[in-house]
Amino acid sequence: MIKWLFPDRPEESDAFHALQILRLFKNSRLPVIQPPHWLEEVAAVTTRLEPKRTRAAVSLLFSLEFQISSGMDLYLKVCDLSDSLTQHLFDTLCHAVALTGPDTILITADDRYYRKAASAGHIERLKDFTLPSGSKSS
């Protein structure tokens, strides 16, 4: 999501791919499901990177009204995933959403996490993402 907010930052490689996903979401061709902490995490990163733009960024993301995943199954999955990958729980929460939802995948730009977590399934690198067949068309 940082790539959506600051695609012009040199550190945000593959921003074009991220913006394509945003377009697909806005055209109702790709649903986005987030864990309960998603907005707090993005707000924290945005405040660190671009504090003067945080209020506008958070307002924009809040207006997107993403579906939120929660419940006991999610939290049990994230605990197992965090333990099995020896990753911080917050780093695995988005992946746990993908693992507990039907036909869901985590799209990540974090190559280090991808290499470690790919064997768990339901994960794809941002730069490799293509619209799944059978997705709604606009």
C-alpha atoms as a PDB file:
ATOM      1  CA  MET A   1       0.000   0.000   0.000  1.00  0.00           C
ATOM      2  CA  ILE A   2       2.936   2.306   0.506  1.00  0.00           C
ATOM      3  CA  LYS A   3       3.591   1.851  -3.208  1.00  0.00           C
ATOM      4  CA  TRP A   4       0.058   3.151  -3.866  1.00  0.00           C
ATOM      5  CA  LEU A   5       0.670   6.221  -1.746  1.00  0.00           C
ATOM      6  CA  PHE A   6       4.220   7.062  -2.813  1.00  0.00           C
ATOM      7  CA  PRO A   7       4.859   5.399  -6.172  1.00  0.00           C
ATOM      8  CA  ASP A   8       7.402   8.102  -7.028  1.00  0.00           C
ATOM      9  CA  ARG A   9       9.783   7.128  -4.201  1.00  0.00           C
ATOM     10  CA  PRO A  10      12.901   5.479  -5.657  1.00  0.00           C
ATOM     11  CA  GLU A  11      12.738   2.814  -2.935  1.00  0.00           C
ATOM     12  CA  GLU A  12       9.335   1.656  -4.164  1.00  0.00           C
ATOM     13  CA  SER A  13      10.266  -0.692  -6.978  1.00  0.00           C
ATOM     14  CA  ASP A  14       7.391  -2.381  -8.787  1.00  0.00           C
ATOM     15  CA  ALA A  15       5.064   0.527  -7.976  1.00  0.00           C
ATOM     16  CA  PHE A  16       3.554   0.137 -11.433  1.00  0.00           C
ATOM     17  CA  HIS A  17       2.430  -3.410 -10.555  1.00  0.00           C
ATOM     18  CA  ALA A  18       0.997  -2.186  -7.254  1.00  0.00           C
ATOM     19  CA  LEU A  19      -0.962   0.564  -8.999  1.00  0.00           C
ATOM     20  CA  GLN A  20      -2.385  -2.027 -11.412  1.00  0.00           C
ATOM     21  CA  ILE A  21      -3.736  -3.947  -8.423  1.00  0.00           C
ATOM     22  CA  LEU A  22      -5.312  -0.770  -7.060  1.00  0.00           C
ATOM     23  CA  ARG A  23      -6.970  -0.197 -10.445  1.00  0.00           C
ATOM     24  CA  LEU A  24      -8.298  -3.761 -10.487  1.00  0.00           C
ATOM     25  CA  PHE A  25      -9.728  -3.252  -6.999  1.00  0.00           C
ATOM     26  CA  LYS A  26     -11.325   0.069  -7.911  1.00  0.00           C
ATOM     27  CA  ASN A  27     -12.890  -1.516 -11.017  1.00  0.00           C
ATOM     28  CA  SER A  28     -14.299  -4.357  -8.851  1.00  0.00           C
ATOM     29  CA  ARG A  29     -12.168  -6.949 -10.639  1.00  0.00           C
ATOM     30  CA  LEU A  30     -10.083  -7.943  -7.624  1.00  0.00           C
ATOM     31  CA  PRO A  31     -11.315  -7.989  -4.027  1.00  0.00           C
ATOM     32  CA  VAL A  32      -8.889  -6.971  -1.299  1.00  0.00           C
ATOM     33  CA  ILE A  33      -9.119  -8.511   2.169  1.00  0.00           C
ATOM     34  CA  GLN A  34      -6.994  -7.107   4.977  1.00  0.00           C
ATOM     35  CA  PRO A  35      -6.101  -8.170   8.505  1.00  0.00           C
ATOM     36  CA  PRO A  36      -7.463  -6.088  11.379  1.00  0.00           C
ATOM     37  CA  HIS A  37      -4.230  -4.101  11.839  1.00  0.00           C
ATOM     38  CA  TRP A  38      -3.659  -3.053   8.212  1.00  0.00           C
ATOM     39  CA  LEU A  39      -4.504   0.629   8.547  1.00  0.00           C
ATOM     40  CA  GLU A  40      -2.452   1.065  11.722  1.00  0.00           C
ATOM     41  CA  GLU A  41       0.549  -0.540  10.047  1.00  0.00           C
ATOM     42  CA  VAL A  42       0.282   1.647   6.943  1.00  0.00           C
ATOM     43  CA  ALA A  43      -0.229   4.761   9.101  1.00  0.00           C
ATOM     44  CA  ALA A  44       2.894   3.933  11.118  1.00  0.00           C
ATOM     45  CA  VAL A  45       5.046   3.465   8.015  1.00  0.00           C
ATOM     46  CA  THR A  46       3.591   6.557   6.344  1.00  0.00           C
ATOM     47  CA  THR A  47       4.245   8.653   9.439  1.00  0.00           C
ATOM     48  CA  ARG A  48       7.855   7.499   9.443  1.00  0.00           C
ATOM     49  CA  LEU A  49       8.405   8.064   5.707  1.00  0.00           C
ATOM     50  CA  GLU A  50       6.246  11.094   4.878  1.00  0.00           C
ATOM     51  CA  PRO A  51       4.758  12.578   8.084  1.00  0.00           C
ATOM     52  CA  LYS A  52       3.296  15.602   6.317  1.00  0.00           C
ATOM     53  CA  ARG A  53       1.313  13.330   3.992  1.00  0.00           C
ATOM     54  CA  THR A  54       0.049  10.895   6.638  1.00  0.00           C
ATOM     55  CA  ARG A  55      -3.374  12.427   7.286  1.00  0.00           C
ATOM     56  CA  ALA A  56      -4.266  12.517   3.593  1.00  0.00           C
ATOM     57  CA  ALA A  57      -2.890   9.015   3.027  1.00  0.00           C
ATOM     58  CA  VAL A  58      -4.805   7.488   5.922  1.00  0.00           C
ATOM     59  CA  SER A  59      -8.019   9.255   4.865  1.00  0.00           C
ATOM     60  CA  LEU A  60      -7.621   7.944   1.334  1.00  0.00           C
ATOM     61  CA  LEU A  61      -6.995   4.358   2.410  1.00  0.00           C
ATOM     62  CA  PHE A  62      -9.824   4.452   4.955  1.00  0.00           C
ATOM     63  CA  SER A  63     -12.229   5.525   2.212  1.00  0.00           C
ATOM     64  CA  LEU A  64     -11.453   2.365   0.214  1.00  0.00           C
ATOM     65  CA  GLU A  65     -13.435   0.312   2.746  1.00  0.00           C
ATOM     66  CA  PHE A  66     -11.517  -2.944   2.421  1.00  0.00           C
ATOM     67  CA  GLN A  67     -13.048  -6.122   3.736  1.00  0.00           C
ATOM     68  CA  ILE A  68     -11.452  -7.070   7.076  1.00  0.00           C
ATOM     69  CA  SER A  69     -10.651 -10.648   8.021  1.00  0.00           C
ATOM     70  CA  SER A  70     -10.696 -11.634  11.670  1.00  0.00           C
ATOM     71  CA  GLY A  71     -11.816 -14.456  13.909  1.00  0.00           C
ATOM     72  CA  MET A  72     -10.351 -17.349  15.799  1.00  0.00           C
ATOM     73  CA  ASP A  73      -9.243 -19.275  12.680  1.00  0.00           C
ATOM     74  CA  LEU A  74      -7.166 -16.317  11.513  1.00  0.00           C
ATOM     75  CA  TYR A  75      -5.426 -15.912  14.862  1.00  0.00           C
ATOM     76  CA  LEU A  76      -4.714 -19.614  15.230  1.00  0.00           C
ATOM     77  CA  LYS A  77      -3.303 -19.704  11.691  1.00  0.00           C
ATOM     78  CA  VAL A  78      -1.091 -16.660  12.265  1.00  0.00           C
ATOM     79  CA  CYS A  79       0.311 -18.158  15.476  1.00  0.00           C
ATOM     80  CA  ASP A  80       1.172 -21.391  13.657  1.00  0.00           C
ATOM     81  CA  LEU A  81       2.625 -19.535  10.667  1.00  0.00           C
ATOM     82  CA  SER A  82       4.699 -17.200  12.805  1.00  0.00           C
ATOM     83  CA  ASP A  83       6.117 -20.150  14.721  1.00  0.00           C
ATOM     84  CA  SER A  84       6.809 -22.338  11.690  1.00  0.00           C
ATOM     85  CA  LEU A  85       8.516 -19.532   9.742  1.00  0.00           C
ATOM     86  CA  THR A  86      10.199 -17.985  12.805  1.00  0.00           C
ATOM     87  CA  GLN A  87       8.791 -14.627  11.721  1.00  0.00           C
ATOM     88  CA  HIS A  88       7.244 -11.899  13.835  1.00  0.00           C
ATOM     89  CA  LEU A  89       3.498 -12.407  14.185  1.00  0.00           C
ATOM     90  CA  PHE A  90       2.683  -9.074  12.537  1.00  0.00           C
ATOM     91  CA  ASP A  91       4.820 -10.033   9.533  1.00  0.00           C
ATOM     92  CA  THR A  92       2.725 -13.158   9.002  1.00  0.00           C
ATOM     93  CA  LEU A  93      -0.749 -11.734   9.633  1.00  0.00           C
ATOM     94  CA  CYS A  94      -1.424 -10.755   6.014  1.00  0.00           C
ATOM     95  CA  HIS A  95      -0.276 -14.172   4.874  1.00  0.00           C
ATOM     96  CA  ALA A  96      -2.550 -15.849   7.408  1.00  0.00           C
ATOM     97  CA  VAL A  97      -5.486 -13.929   5.900  1.00  0.00           C
ATOM     98  CA  ALA A  98      -4.655 -15.492   2.538  1.00  0.00           C
ATOM     99  CA  LEU A  99      -4.281 -18.940   4.035  1.00  0.00           C
ATOM    100  CA  THR A 100      -7.663 -18.830   5.798  1.00  0.00           C
ATOM    101  CA  GLY A 101      -9.718 -17.332   2.981  1.00  0.00           C
ATOM    102  CA  PRO A 102     -11.159 -19.131  -0.007  1.00  0.00           C
ATOM    103  CA  ASP A 103      -9.276 -18.479  -3.263  1.00  0.00           C
ATOM    104  CA  THR A 104      -7.047 -15.831  -1.672  1.00  0.00           C
ATOM    105  CA  ILE A 105      -3.374 -15.012  -2.065  1.00  0.00           C
ATOM    106  CA  LEU A 106      -0.961 -12.641  -0.422  1.00  0.00           C
ATOM    107  CA  ILE A 107       0.669 -10.377  -2.961  1.00  0.00           C
ATOM    108  CA  THR A 108       3.974  -9.236  -1.489  1.00  0.00           C
ATOM    109  CA  ALA A 109       6.878  -7.052  -2.532  1.00  0.00           C
ATOM    110  CA  ASP A 110       8.983  -8.488   0.293  1.00  0.00           C
ATOM    111  CA  ASP A 111      11.264 -10.941  -1.502  1.00  0.00           C
ATOM    112  CA  ARG A 112      12.905 -12.063   1.746  1.00  0.00           C
ATOM    113  CA  TYR A 113       9.538 -13.024   3.252  1.00  0.00           C
ATOM    114  CA  TYR A 114       8.436 -14.620  -0.015  1.00  0.00           C
ATOM    115  CA  ARG A 115      11.500 -16.876  -0.133  1.00  0.00           C
ATOM    116  CA  LYS A 116      10.884 -17.976   3.437  1.00  0.00           C
ATOM    117  CA  ALA A 117       7.101 -18.395   3.165  1.00  0.00           C
ATOM    118  CA  ALA A 118       6.467 -19.608  -0.386  1.00  0.00           C
ATOM    119  CA  SER A 119       6.229 -23.235   0.693  1.00  0.00           C
ATOM    120  CA  ALA A 120       3.204 -22.374   2.866  1.00  0.00           C
ATOM    121  CA  GLY A 121       1.303 -21.453  -0.299  1.00  0.00           C
ATOM    122  CA  HIS A 122      -1.179 -18.701  -1.149  1.00  0.00           C
ATOM    123  CA  ILE A 123       1.570 -16.150  -1.761  1.00  0.00           C
ATOM    124  CA  GLU A 124       2.859 -14.449  -4.895  1.00  0.00           C
ATOM    125  CA  ARG A 125       5.478 -11.810  -5.527  1.00  0.00           C
ATOM    126  CA  LEU A 126       4.105  -8.456  -6.632  1.00  0.00           C
ATOM    127  CA  LYS A 127       6.274  -8.377  -9.729  1.00  0.00           C
ATOM    128  CA  ASP A 128       4.916 -11.783 -10.815  1.00  0.00           C
ATOM    129  CA  PHE A 129       1.231 -11.131 -10.130  1.00  0.00           C
ATOM    130  CA  THR A 130      -1.304 -11.531 -12.924  1.00  0.00           C
ATOM    131  CA  LEU A 131      -5.063 -11.361 -12.659  1.00  0.00           C
ATOM    132  CA  PRO A 132      -6.386 -14.844 -11.865  1.00  0.00           C
ATOM    133  CA  SER A 133      -8.613 -16.430 -14.491  1.00  0.00           C
ATOM    134  CA  GLY A 134     -12.252 -16.376 -13.529  1.00  0.00           C
ATOM    135  CA  SER A 135     -11.998 -12.987 -11.835  1.00  0.00           C
ATOM    136  CA  LYS A 136     -14.890 -10.627 -12.313  1.00  0.00           C
ATOM    137  CA  SER A 137     -14.546  -8.357 -15.304  1.00  0.00           C
ATOM    138  CA  SER A 138     -15.698  -4.775 -15.347  1.00  0.00           C
END
